[in-house]
Amino acid sequence: MATKLKIRKGDHVVVLAGKDKGKHGEVLKVIPRDSRAIVQGVNTVRRHQRQTATQEAGIVAKEAPIHLSNLALEDPKDGKPSRVGYKTLEDGRKVRFAKRSGEVIDV
């Protein structure tokens, strides 16, 4: 059974480890089966691309998946890495919040 992921598509994250340590970016895609995510501008690799009807041939740079353990959610207040917690609001909604500042992430 898969574990609950605390990082979702559209979140702003900070890279904690690896060659891109300290970089910020937005999550473009989450791959729960492998516990990985594709983050905009992070972990870019260059790949040879065959020509298709829509795309020219050549070497293209694209983002490769990065493991979720190397990512942390960006605190909405100051942009630094923060852990994620869950709490229930008065109206009964369960939301994520940044443990660093207490700021609600899901609006």
PDB file of N, CA and C in Angstrom:
ATOM      1  N   MET A   1       0.838  -1.198   0.000  1.00  0.00           N
ATOM      2  CA  MET A   1       0.000   0.000   0.000  1.00  0.00           C
ATOM      3  C   MET A   1       0.870   1.246   0.000  1.00  0.00           C
ATOM      4  N   ALA A   2       0.525   2.202  -0.834  1.00  0.00           N
ATOM      5  CA  ALA A   2       1.321   3.427  -0.964  1.00  0.00           C
ATOM      6  C   ALA A   2       1.080   4.351   0.230  1.00  0.00           C
ATOM      7  N   THR A   3       2.118   5.099   0.582  1.00  0.00           N
ATOM      8  CA  THR A   3       1.990   6.044   1.681  1.00  0.00           C
ATOM      9  C   THR A   3       1.396   7.349   1.178  1.00  0.00           C
ATOM     10  N   LYS A   4       0.855   8.145   2.086  1.00  0.00           N
ATOM     11  CA  LYS A   4       0.265   9.433   1.735  1.00  0.00           C
ATOM     12  C   LYS A   4       1.379  10.415   1.408  1.00  0.00           C
ATOM     13  N   LEU A   5       1.302  11.024   0.237  1.00  0.00           N
ATOM     14  CA  LEU A   5       2.319  11.982  -0.173  1.00  0.00           C
ATOM     15  C   LEU A   5       1.963  13.371   0.325  1.00  0.00           C
ATOM     16  N   LYS A   6       2.957  14.075   0.811  1.00  0.00           N
ATOM     17  CA  LYS A   6       2.734  15.417   1.332  1.00  0.00           C
ATOM     18  C   LYS A   6       3.062  16.488   0.309  1.00  0.00           C
ATOM     19  N   ILE A   7       3.611  16.065  -0.838  1.00  0.00           N
ATOM     20  CA  ILE A   7       3.921  17.001  -1.912  1.00  0.00           C
ATOM     21  C   ILE A   7       3.000  16.690  -3.080  1.00  0.00           C
ATOM     22  N   ARG A   8       2.398  17.735  -3.651  1.00  0.00           N
ATOM     23  CA  ARG A   8       1.436  17.574  -4.734  1.00  0.00           C
ATOM     24  C   ARG A   8       1.824  18.424  -5.932  1.00  0.00           C
ATOM     25  N   LYS A   9       1.180  18.156  -7.056  1.00  0.00           N
ATOM     26  CA  LYS A   9       1.398  18.937  -8.261  1.00  0.00           C
ATOM     27  C   LYS A   9       1.031  20.398  -7.998  1.00  0.00           C
ATOM     28  N   GLY A  10       1.883  21.312  -8.439  1.00  0.00           N
ATOM     29  CA  GLY A  10       1.629  22.741  -8.246  1.00  0.00           C
ATOM     30  C   GLY A  10       2.294  23.325  -7.016  1.00  0.00           C
ATOM     31  N   ASP A  11       2.802  22.481  -6.123  1.00  0.00           N
ATOM     32  CA  ASP A  11       3.489  22.970  -4.926  1.00  0.00           C
ATOM     33  C   ASP A  11       4.834  23.582  -5.290  1.00  0.00           C
ATOM     34  N   HIS A  12       5.261  24.545  -4.499  1.00  0.00           N
ATOM     35  CA  HIS A  12       6.594  25.119  -4.644  1.00  0.00           C
ATOM     36  C   HIS A  12       7.493  24.426  -3.626  1.00  0.00           C
ATOM     37  N   VAL A  13       8.600  23.859  -4.119  1.00  0.00           N
ATOM     38  CA  VAL A  13       9.481  23.065  -3.274  1.00  0.00           C
ATOM     39  C   VAL A  13      10.921  23.571  -3.350  1.00  0.00           C
ATOM     40  N   VAL A  14      11.728  23.110  -2.374  1.00  0.00           N
ATOM     41  CA  VAL A  14      13.153  23.402  -2.307  1.00  0.00           C
ATOM     42  C   VAL A  14      13.884  22.067  -2.335  1.00  0.00           C
ATOM     43  N   VAL A  15      14.985  21.999  -3.091  1.00  0.00           N
ATOM     44  CA  VAL A  15      15.770  20.776  -3.161  1.00  0.00           C
ATOM     45  C   VAL A  15      16.742  20.754  -1.979  1.00  0.00           C
ATOM     46  N   LEU A  16      16.739  19.638  -1.226  1.00  0.00           N
ATOM     47  CA  LEU A  16      17.548  19.515  -0.017  1.00  0.00           C
ATOM     48  C   LEU A  16      18.892  18.845  -0.267  1.00  0.00           C
ATOM     49  N   ALA A  17      18.976  17.988  -1.295  1.00  0.00           N
ATOM     50  CA  ALA A  17      20.201  17.224  -1.524  1.00  0.00           C
ATOM     51  C   ALA A  17      20.410  16.996  -3.010  1.00  0.00           C
ATOM     52  N   GLY A  18      21.664  16.761  -3.389  1.00  0.00           N
ATOM     53  CA  GLY A  18      21.998  16.477  -4.776  1.00  0.00           C
ATOM     54  C   GLY A  18      22.654  17.652  -5.455  1.00  0.00           C
ATOM     55  N   LYS A  19      22.853  17.534  -6.765  1.00  0.00           N
ATOM     56  CA  LYS A  19      23.571  18.567  -7.518  1.00  0.00           C
ATOM     57  C   LYS A  19      22.801  19.881  -7.585  1.00  0.00           C
ATOM     58  N   ASP A  20      21.491  19.843  -7.391  1.00  0.00           N
ATOM     59  CA  ASP A  20      20.663  21.046  -7.453  1.00  0.00           C
ATOM     60  C   ASP A  20      20.247  21.541  -6.069  1.00  0.00           C
ATOM     61  N   LYS A  21      21.001  21.194  -5.044  1.00  0.00           N
ATOM     62  CA  LYS A  21      20.675  21.573  -3.664  1.00  0.00           C
ATOM     63  C   LYS A  21      20.495  23.086  -3.548  1.00  0.00           C
ATOM     64  N   GLY A  22      19.381  23.489  -2.915  1.00  0.00           N
ATOM     65  CA  GLY A  22      19.098  24.898  -2.708  1.00  0.00           C
ATOM     66  C   GLY A  22      18.213  25.520  -3.771  1.00  0.00           C
ATOM     67  N   LYS A  23      18.008  24.836  -4.890  1.00  0.00           N
ATOM     68  CA  LYS A  23      17.163  25.381  -5.952  1.00  0.00           C
ATOM     69  C   LYS A  23      15.694  25.289  -5.571  1.00  0.00           C
ATOM     70  N   HIS A  24      14.916  26.246  -6.084  1.00  0.00           N
ATOM     71  CA  HIS A  24      13.472  26.291  -5.864  1.00  0.00           C
ATOM     72  C   HIS A  24      12.781  25.978  -7.182  1.00  0.00           C
ATOM     73  N   GLY A  25      11.589  25.399  -7.126  1.00  0.00           N
ATOM     74  CA  GLY A  25      10.834  25.132  -8.341  1.00  0.00           C
ATOM     75  C   GLY A  25       9.433  24.666  -8.036  1.00  0.00           C
ATOM     76  N   GLU A  26       8.636  24.572  -9.091  1.00  0.00           N
ATOM     77  CA  GLU A  26       7.257  24.124  -8.965  1.00  0.00           C
ATOM     78  C   GLU A  26       7.153  22.674  -9.420  1.00  0.00           C
ATOM     79  N   VAL A  27       6.370  21.884  -8.694  1.00  0.00           N
ATOM     80  CA  VAL A  27       6.190  20.473  -9.032  1.00  0.00           C
ATOM     81  C   VAL A  27       5.278  20.383 -10.251  1.00  0.00           C
ATOM     82  N   LEU A  28       5.804  19.760 -11.320  1.00  0.00           N
ATOM     83  CA  LEU A  28       5.030  19.598 -12.551  1.00  0.00           C
ATOM     84  C   LEU A  28       4.252  18.292 -12.556  1.00  0.00           C
ATOM     85  N   LYS A  29       4.831  17.241 -11.951  1.00  0.00           N
ATOM     86  CA  LYS A  29       4.205  15.927 -11.952  1.00  0.00           C
ATOM     87  C   LYS A  29       4.716  15.139 -10.761  1.00  0.00           C
ATOM     88  N   VAL A  30       3.843  14.346 -10.138  1.00  0.00           N
ATOM     89  CA  VAL A  30       4.228  13.473  -9.036  1.00  0.00           C
ATOM     90  C   VAL A  30       4.030  12.031  -9.491  1.00  0.00           C
ATOM     91  N   ILE A  31       5.017  11.186  -9.185  1.00  0.00           N
ATOM     92  CA  ILE A  31       4.964   9.766  -9.545  1.00  0.00           C
ATOM     93  C   ILE A  31       4.940   8.972  -8.233  1.00  0.00           C
ATOM     94  N   PRO A  32       3.755   8.710  -7.659  1.00  0.00           N
ATOM     95  CA  PRO A  32       3.659   8.075  -6.343  1.00  0.00           C
ATOM     96  C   PRO A  32       4.241   6.665  -6.302  1.00  0.00           C
ATOM     97  N   ARG A  33       4.127   5.915  -7.400  1.00  0.00           N
ATOM     98  CA  ARG A  33       4.613   4.540  -7.436  1.00  0.00           C
ATOM     99  C   ARG A  33       6.112   4.469  -7.150  1.00  0.00           C
ATOM    100  N   ASP A  34       6.871   5.460  -7.636  1.00  0.00           N
ATOM    101  CA  ASP A  34       8.318   5.492  -7.453  1.00  0.00           C
ATOM    102  C   ASP A  34       8.747   6.489  -6.380  1.00  0.00           C
ATOM    103  N   SER A  35       7.813   7.171  -5.738  1.00  0.00           N
ATOM    104  CA  SER A  35       8.098   8.231  -4.759  1.00  0.00           C
ATOM    105  C   SER A  35       9.006   9.301  -5.358  1.00  0.00           C
ATOM    106  N   ARG A  36       8.659   9.739  -6.554  1.00  0.00           N
ATOM    107  CA  ARG A  36       9.453  10.745  -7.251  1.00  0.00           C
ATOM    108  C   ARG A  36       8.560  11.858  -7.771  1.00  0.00           C
ATOM    109  N   ALA A  37       9.186  12.991  -8.104  1.00  0.00           N
ATOM    110  CA  ALA A  37       8.465  14.122  -8.669  1.00  0.00           C
ATOM    111  C   ALA A  37       9.328  14.795  -9.720  1.00  0.00           C
ATOM    112  N   ILE A  38       8.666  15.438 -10.682  1.00  0.00           N
ATOM    113  CA  ILE A  38       9.371  16.235 -11.676  1.00  0.00           C
ATOM    114  C   ILE A  38       9.163  17.691 -11.294  1.00  0.00           C
ATOM    115  N   VAL A  39      10.293  18.398 -11.094  1.00  0.00           N
ATOM    116  CA  VAL A  39      10.256  19.787 -10.637  1.00  0.00           C
ATOM    117  C   VAL A  39      10.823  20.677 -11.734  1.00  0.00           C
ATOM    118  N   GLN A  40      10.137  21.788 -11.994  1.00  0.00           N
ATOM    119  CA  GLN A  40      10.534  22.698 -13.062  1.00  0.00           C
ATOM    120  C   GLN A  40      11.911  23.299 -12.794  1.00  0.00           C
ATOM    121  N   GLY A  41      12.834  23.132 -13.747  1.00  0.00           N
ATOM    122  CA  GLY A  41      14.166  23.719 -13.650  1.00  0.00           C
ATOM    123  C   GLY A  41      15.136  22.981 -12.753  1.00  0.00           C
ATOM    124  N   VAL A  42      14.747  21.803 -12.254  1.00  0.00           N
ATOM    125  CA  VAL A  42      15.594  21.046 -11.331  1.00  0.00           C
ATOM    126  C   VAL A  42      15.917  19.683 -11.940  1.00  0.00           C
ATOM    127  N   ASN A  43      17.138  19.210 -11.748  1.00  0.00           N
ATOM    128  CA  ASN A  43      17.586  17.901 -12.229  1.00  0.00           C
ATOM    129  C   ASN A  43      17.421  17.782 -13.741  1.00  0.00           C
ATOM    130  N   THR A  44      17.903  18.791 -14.470  1.00  0.00           N
ATOM    131  CA  THR A  44      17.790  18.779 -15.923  1.00  0.00           C
ATOM    132  C   THR A  44      18.852  17.873 -16.529  1.00  0.00           C
ATOM    133  N   VAL A  45      18.437  17.130 -17.540  1.00  0.00           N
ATOM    134  CA  VAL A  45      19.329  16.232 -18.270  1.00  0.00           C
ATOM    135  C   VAL A  45      19.193  16.544 -19.760  1.00  0.00           C
ATOM    136  N   ARG A  46      20.238  16.223 -20.525  1.00  0.00           N
ATOM    137  CA  ARG A  46      20.212  16.430 -21.969  1.00  0.00           C
ATOM    138  C   ARG A  46      20.033  15.084 -22.643  1.00  0.00           C
ATOM    139  N   ARG A  47      19.052  15.003 -23.535  1.00  0.00           N
ATOM    140  CA  ARG A  47      18.728  13.756 -24.199  1.00  0.00           C
ATOM    141  C   ARG A  47      18.685  13.964 -25.715  1.00  0.00           C
ATOM    142  N   HIS A  48      19.088  12.940 -26.448  1.00  0.00           N
ATOM    143  CA  HIS A  48      18.975  12.966 -27.905  1.00  0.00           C
ATOM    144  C   HIS A  48      17.515  12.727 -28.263  1.00  0.00           C
ATOM    145  N   GLN A  49      16.996  13.535 -29.176  1.00  0.00           N
ATOM    146  CA  GLN A  49      15.590  13.463 -29.560  1.00  0.00           C
ATOM    147  C   GLN A  49      15.487  13.114 -31.045  1.00  0.00           C
ATOM    148  N   ARG A  50      14.755  12.068 -31.374  1.00  0.00           N
ATOM    149  CA  ARG A  50      14.511  11.711 -32.773  1.00  0.00           C
ATOM    150  C   ARG A  50      13.475  12.671 -33.340  1.00  0.00           C
ATOM    151  N   GLN A  51      13.587  12.986 -34.613  1.00  0.00           N
ATOM    152  CA  GLN A  51      12.645  13.895 -35.241  1.00  0.00           C
ATOM    153  C   GLN A  51      11.273  13.245 -35.371  1.00  0.00           C
ATOM    154  N   THR A  52      10.237  14.011 -35.040  1.00  0.00           N
ATOM    155  CA  THR A  52       8.859  13.574 -35.217  1.00  0.00           C
ATOM    156  C   THR A  52       8.130  14.602 -36.064  1.00  0.00           C
ATOM    157  N   ALA A  53       6.856  14.390 -36.290  1.00  0.00           N
ATOM    158  CA  ALA A  53       6.077  15.324 -37.097  1.00  0.00           C
ATOM    159  C   ALA A  53       5.965  16.689 -36.418  1.00  0.00           C
ATOM    160  N   THR A  54       6.003  16.702 -35.093  1.00  0.00           N
ATOM    161  CA  THR A  54       5.828  17.959 -34.364  1.00  0.00           C
ATOM    162  C   THR A  54       7.127  18.517 -33.797  1.00  0.00           C
ATOM    163  N   GLN A  55       8.163  17.689 -33.673  1.00  0.00           N
ATOM    164  CA  GLN A  55       9.378  18.129 -32.988  1.00  0.00           C
ATOM    165  C   GLN A  55      10.612  17.908 -33.848  1.00  0.00           C
ATOM    166  N   GLU A  56      11.517  18.871 -33.784  1.00  0.00           N
ATOM    167  CA  GLU A  56      12.772  18.814 -34.527  1.00  0.00           C
ATOM    168  C   GLU A  56      13.739  17.861 -33.832  1.00  0.00           C
ATOM    169  N   ALA A  57      14.642  17.260 -34.602  1.00  0.00           N
ATOM    170  CA  ALA A  57      15.658  16.376 -34.031  1.00  0.00           C
ATOM    171  C   ALA A  57      16.754  17.203 -33.377  1.00  0.00           C
ATOM    172  N   GLY A  58      17.458  16.609 -32.422  1.00  0.00           N
ATOM    173  CA  GLY A  58      18.564  17.301 -31.769  1.00  0.00           C
ATOM    174  C   GLY A  58      18.666  16.899 -30.315  1.00  0.00           C
ATOM    175  N   ILE A  59      19.473  17.650 -29.588  1.00  0.00           N
ATOM    176  CA  ILE A  59      19.662  17.385 -28.161  1.00  0.00           C
ATOM    177  C   ILE A  59      18.786  18.361 -27.390  1.00  0.00           C
ATOM    178  N   VAL A  60      17.891  17.813 -26.569  1.00  0.00           N
ATOM    179  CA  VAL A  60      16.967  18.644 -25.794  1.00  0.00           C
ATOM    180  C   VAL A  60      17.253  18.481 -24.306  1.00  0.00           C
ATOM    181  N   ALA A  61      17.045  19.547 -23.558  1.00  0.00           N
ATOM    182  CA  ALA A  61      17.190  19.505 -22.098  1.00  0.00           C
ATOM    183  C   ALA A  61      15.805  19.376 -21.492  1.00  0.00           C
ATOM    184  N   LYS A  62      15.651  18.413 -20.568  1.00  0.00           N
ATOM    185  CA  LYS A  62      14.362  18.250 -19.900  1.00  0.00           C
ATOM    186  C   LYS A  62      14.601  17.819 -18.461  1.00  0.00           C
ATOM    187  N   GLU A  63      13.560  17.965 -17.649  1.00  0.00           N
ATOM    188  CA  GLU A  63      13.665  17.634 -16.230  1.00  0.00           C
ATOM    189  C   GLU A  63      13.506  16.136 -16.020  1.00  0.00           C
ATOM    190  N   ALA A  64      14.376  15.564 -15.194  1.00  0.00           N
ATOM    191  CA  ALA A  64      14.274  14.161 -14.815  1.00  0.00           C
ATOM    192  C   ALA A  64      13.637  14.082 -13.434  1.00  0.00           C
ATOM    193  N   PRO A  65      13.009  12.947 -13.101  1.00  0.00           N
ATOM    194  CA  PRO A  65      12.388  12.819 -11.778  1.00  0.00           C
ATOM    195  C   PRO A  65      13.431  12.872 -10.659  1.00  0.00           C
ATOM    196  N   ILE A  66      13.030  13.441  -9.524  1.00  0.00           N
ATOM    197  CA  ILE A  66      13.884  13.528  -8.337  1.00  0.00           C
ATOM    198  C   ILE A  66      13.109  12.898  -7.177  1.00  0.00           C
ATOM    199  N   HIS A  67      13.810  12.210  -6.288  1.00  0.00           N
ATOM    200  CA  HIS A  67      13.147  11.494  -5.198  1.00  0.00           C
ATOM    201  C   HIS A  67      12.528  12.488  -4.215  1.00  0.00           C
ATOM    202  N   LEU A  68      11.358  12.134  -3.677  1.00  0.00           N
ATOM    203  CA  LEU A  68      10.635  13.026  -2.768  1.00  0.00           C
ATOM    204  C   LEU A  68      11.396  13.298  -1.474  1.00  0.00           C
ATOM    205  N   SER A  69      12.279  12.362  -1.079  1.00  0.00           N
ATOM    206  CA  SER A  69      13.043  12.573   0.150  1.00  0.00           C
ATOM    207  C   SER A  69      14.039  13.710   0.006  1.00  0.00           C
ATOM    208  N   ASN A  70      14.345  14.099  -1.227  1.00  0.00           N
ATOM    209  CA  ASN A  70      15.274  15.201  -1.472  1.00  0.00           C
ATOM    210  C   ASN A  70      14.566  16.536  -1.661  1.00  0.00           C
ATOM    211  N   LEU A  71      13.247  16.553  -1.453  1.00  0.00           N
ATOM    212  CA  LEU A  71      12.452  17.767  -1.612  1.00  0.00           C
ATOM    213  C   LEU A  71      11.787  18.148  -0.301  1.00  0.00           C
ATOM    214  N   ALA A  72      11.616  19.448  -0.100  1.00  0.00           N
ATOM    215  CA  ALA A  72      10.846  19.948   1.038  1.00  0.00           C
ATOM    216  C   ALA A  72       9.946  21.062   0.540  1.00  0.00           C
ATOM    217  N   LEU A  73       8.767  21.142   1.109  1.00  0.00           N
ATOM    218  CA  LEU A  73       7.833  22.182   0.729  1.00  0.00           C
ATOM    219  C   LEU A  73       8.398  23.548   1.113  1.00  0.00           C
ATOM    220  N   GLU A  74       8.168  24.533   0.257  1.00  0.00           N
ATOM    221  CA  GLU A  74       8.643  25.894   0.511  1.00  0.00           C
ATOM    222  C   GLU A  74       7.642  26.599   1.420  1.00  0.00           C
ATOM    223  N   ASP A  75       8.146  27.202   2.496  1.00  0.00           N
ATOM    224  CA  ASP A  75       7.276  27.927   3.421  1.00  0.00           C
ATOM    225  C   ASP A  75       6.684  29.136   2.698  1.00  0.00           C
ATOM    226  N   PRO A  76       5.346  29.316   2.730  1.00  0.00           N
ATOM    227  CA  PRO A  76       4.725  30.455   2.031  1.00  0.00           C
ATOM    228  C   PRO A  76       5.194  31.812   2.547  1.00  0.00           C
ATOM    229  N   LYS A  77       5.622  31.885   3.808  1.00  0.00           N
ATOM    230  CA  LYS A  77       6.031  33.173   4.370  1.00  0.00           C
ATOM    231  C   LYS A  77       7.419  33.604   3.922  1.00  0.00           C
ATOM    232  N   ASP A  78       8.430  32.728   4.113  1.00  0.00           N
ATOM    233  CA  ASP A  78       9.803  33.164   3.850  1.00  0.00           C
ATOM    234  C   ASP A  78      10.531  32.375   2.767  1.00  0.00           C
ATOM    235  N   GLY A  79       9.905  31.355   2.185  1.00  0.00           N
ATOM    236  CA  GLY A  79      10.518  30.618   1.090  1.00  0.00           C
ATOM    237  C   GLY A  79      11.556  29.600   1.500  1.00  0.00           C
ATOM    238  N   LYS A  80      11.702  29.352   2.789  1.00  0.00           N
ATOM    239  CA  LYS A  80      12.668  28.363   3.261  1.00  0.00           C
ATOM    240  C   LYS A  80      11.993  26.996   3.378  1.00  0.00           C
ATOM    241  N   PRO A  81      12.781  25.903   3.426  1.00  0.00           N
ATOM    242  CA  PRO A  81      12.181  24.567   3.511  1.00  0.00           C
ATOM    243  C   PRO A  81      11.394  24.371   4.805  1.00  0.00           C
ATOM    244  N   SER A  82      10.276  23.681   4.690  1.00  0.00           N
ATOM    245  CA  SER A  82       9.428  23.433   5.855  1.00  0.00           C
ATOM    246  C   SER A  82       8.848  22.028   5.769  1.00  0.00           C
ATOM    247  N   ARG A  83       8.601  21.443   6.932  1.00  0.00           N
ATOM    248  CA  ARG A  83       7.890  20.170   6.958  1.00  0.00           C
ATOM    249  C   ARG A  83       6.401  20.446   6.843  1.00  0.00           C
ATOM    250  N   VAL A  84       5.639  19.392   6.564  1.00  0.00           N
ATOM    251  CA  VAL A  84       4.205  19.545   6.318  1.00  0.00           C
ATOM    252  C   VAL A  84       3.420  18.847   7.407  1.00  0.00           C
ATOM    253  N   GLY A  85       2.373  19.512   7.894  1.00  0.00           N
ATOM    254  CA  GLY A  85       1.462  18.908   8.855  1.00  0.00           C
ATOM    255  C   GLY A  85       0.039  19.028   8.338  1.00  0.00           C
ATOM    256  N   TYR A  86      -0.876  18.355   9.012  1.00  0.00           N
ATOM    257  CA  TYR A  86      -2.288  18.403   8.645  1.00  0.00           C
ATOM    258  C   TYR A  86      -3.086  18.894   9.838  1.00  0.00           C
ATOM    259  N   LYS A  87      -4.106  19.698   9.560  1.00  0.00           N
ATOM    260  CA  LYS A  87      -5.033  20.100  10.615  1.00  0.00           C
ATOM    261  C   LYS A  87      -6.412  20.298  10.026  1.00  0.00           C
ATOM    262  N   THR A  88      -7.412  20.248  10.874  1.00  0.00           N
ATOM    263  CA  THR A  88      -8.793  20.414  10.444  1.00  0.00           C
ATOM    264  C   THR A  88      -9.261  21.805  10.837  1.00  0.00           C
ATOM    265  N   LEU A  89      -9.817  22.525   9.879  1.00  0.00           N
ATOM    266  CA  LEU A  89     -10.310  23.881  10.132  1.00  0.00           C
ATOM    267  C   LEU A  89     -11.685  23.827  10.792  1.00  0.00           C
ATOM    268  N   GLU A  90     -12.182  24.984  11.192  1.00  0.00           N
ATOM    269  CA  GLU A  90     -13.483  25.060  11.870  1.00  0.00           C
ATOM    270  C   GLU A  90     -14.617  24.580  10.969  1.00  0.00           C
ATOM    271  N   ASP A  91     -14.473  24.810   9.652  1.00  0.00           N
ATOM    272  CA  ASP A  91     -15.533  24.402   8.735  1.00  0.00           C
ATOM    273  C   ASP A  91     -15.440  22.926   8.342  1.00  0.00           C
ATOM    274  N   GLY A  92     -14.498  22.189   8.951  1.00  0.00           N
ATOM    275  CA  GLY A  92     -14.413  20.749   8.734  1.00  0.00           C
ATOM    276  C   GLY A  92     -13.460  20.312   7.638  1.00  0.00           C
ATOM    277  N   ARG A  93     -12.804  21.272   6.949  1.00  0.00           N
ATOM    278  CA  ARG A  93     -11.857  20.904   5.890  1.00  0.00           C
ATOM    279  C   ARG A  93     -10.518  20.496   6.484  1.00  0.00           C
ATOM    280  N   LYS A  94      -9.919  19.432   5.918  1.00  0.00           N
ATOM    281  CA  LYS A  94      -8.587  18.998   6.325  1.00  0.00           C
ATOM    282  C   LYS A  94      -7.586  19.645   5.377  1.00  0.00           C
ATOM    283  N   VAL A  95      -6.649  20.433   5.924  1.00  0.00           N
ATOM    284  CA  VAL A  95      -5.711  21.180   5.091  1.00  0.00           C
ATOM    285  C   VAL A  95      -4.272  20.901   5.522  1.00  0.00           C
ATOM    286  N   ARG A  96      -3.343  21.143   4.612  1.00  0.00           N
ATOM    287  CA  ARG A  96      -1.918  21.043   4.935  1.00  0.00           C
ATOM    288  C   ARG A  96      -1.434  22.403   5.431  1.00  0.00           C
ATOM    289  N   PHE A  97      -0.462  22.365   6.350  1.00  0.00           N
ATOM    290  CA  PHE A  97       0.123  23.622   6.805  1.00  0.00           C
ATOM    291  C   PHE A  97       1.629  23.448   6.969  1.00  0.00           C
ATOM    292  N   ALA A  98       2.352  24.559   6.848  1.00  0.00           N
ATOM    293  CA  ALA A  98       3.805  24.552   7.003  1.00  0.00           C
ATOM    294  C   ALA A  98       4.119  24.588   8.487  1.00  0.00           C
ATOM    295  N   LYS A  99       4.877  23.592   8.968  1.00  0.00           N
ATOM    296  CA  LYS A  99       5.176  23.526  10.394  1.00  0.00           C
ATOM    297  C   LYS A  99       6.127  24.646  10.821  1.00  0.00           C
ATOM    298  N   ARG A 100       6.882  25.197   9.891  1.00  0.00           N
ATOM    299  CA  ARG A 100       7.844  26.261  10.201  1.00  0.00           C
ATOM    300  C   ARG A 100       7.124  27.534  10.658  1.00  0.00           C
ATOM    301  N   SER A 101       6.070  27.940   9.923  1.00  0.00           N
ATOM    302  CA  SER A 101       5.390  29.187  10.237  1.00  0.00           C
ATOM    303  C   SER A 101       3.942  28.991  10.681  1.00  0.00           C
ATOM    304  N   GLY A 102       3.374  27.812  10.458  1.00  0.00           N
ATOM    305  CA  GLY A 102       1.979  27.574  10.794  1.00  0.00           C
ATOM    306  C   GLY A 102       1.032  28.042   9.704  1.00  0.00           C
ATOM    307  N   GLU A 103       1.573  28.524   8.589  1.00  0.00           N
ATOM    308  CA  GLU A 103       0.780  29.044   7.483  1.00  0.00           C
ATOM    309  C   GLU A 103       0.066  27.904   6.735  1.00  0.00           C
ATOM    310  N   VAL A 104      -1.209  28.092   6.401  1.00  0.00           N
ATOM    311  CA  VAL A 104      -1.977  27.082   5.670  1.00  0.00           C
ATOM    312  C   VAL A 104      -1.542  27.088   4.206  1.00  0.00           C
ATOM    313  N   ILE A 105      -1.286  25.901   3.646  1.00  0.00           N
ATOM    314  CA  ILE A 105      -0.830  25.774   2.266  1.00  0.00           C
ATOM    315  C   ILE A 105      -1.999  25.637   1.319  1.00  0.00           C
ATOM    316  N   ASP A 106      -2.965  24.768   1.644  1.00  0.00           N
ATOM    317  CA  ASP A 106      -4.140  24.566   0.803  1.00  0.00           C
ATOM    318  C   ASP A 106      -5.157  25.652   1.084  1.00  0.00           C
ATOM    319  N   VAL A 107      -5.540  26.387   0.041  1.00  0.00           N
ATOM    320  CA  VAL A 107      -6.522  27.466   0.248  1.00  0.00           C
ATOM    321  C   VAL A 107      -7.767  27.181  -0.550  1.00  0.00           C
TER     322      VAL A 107
END
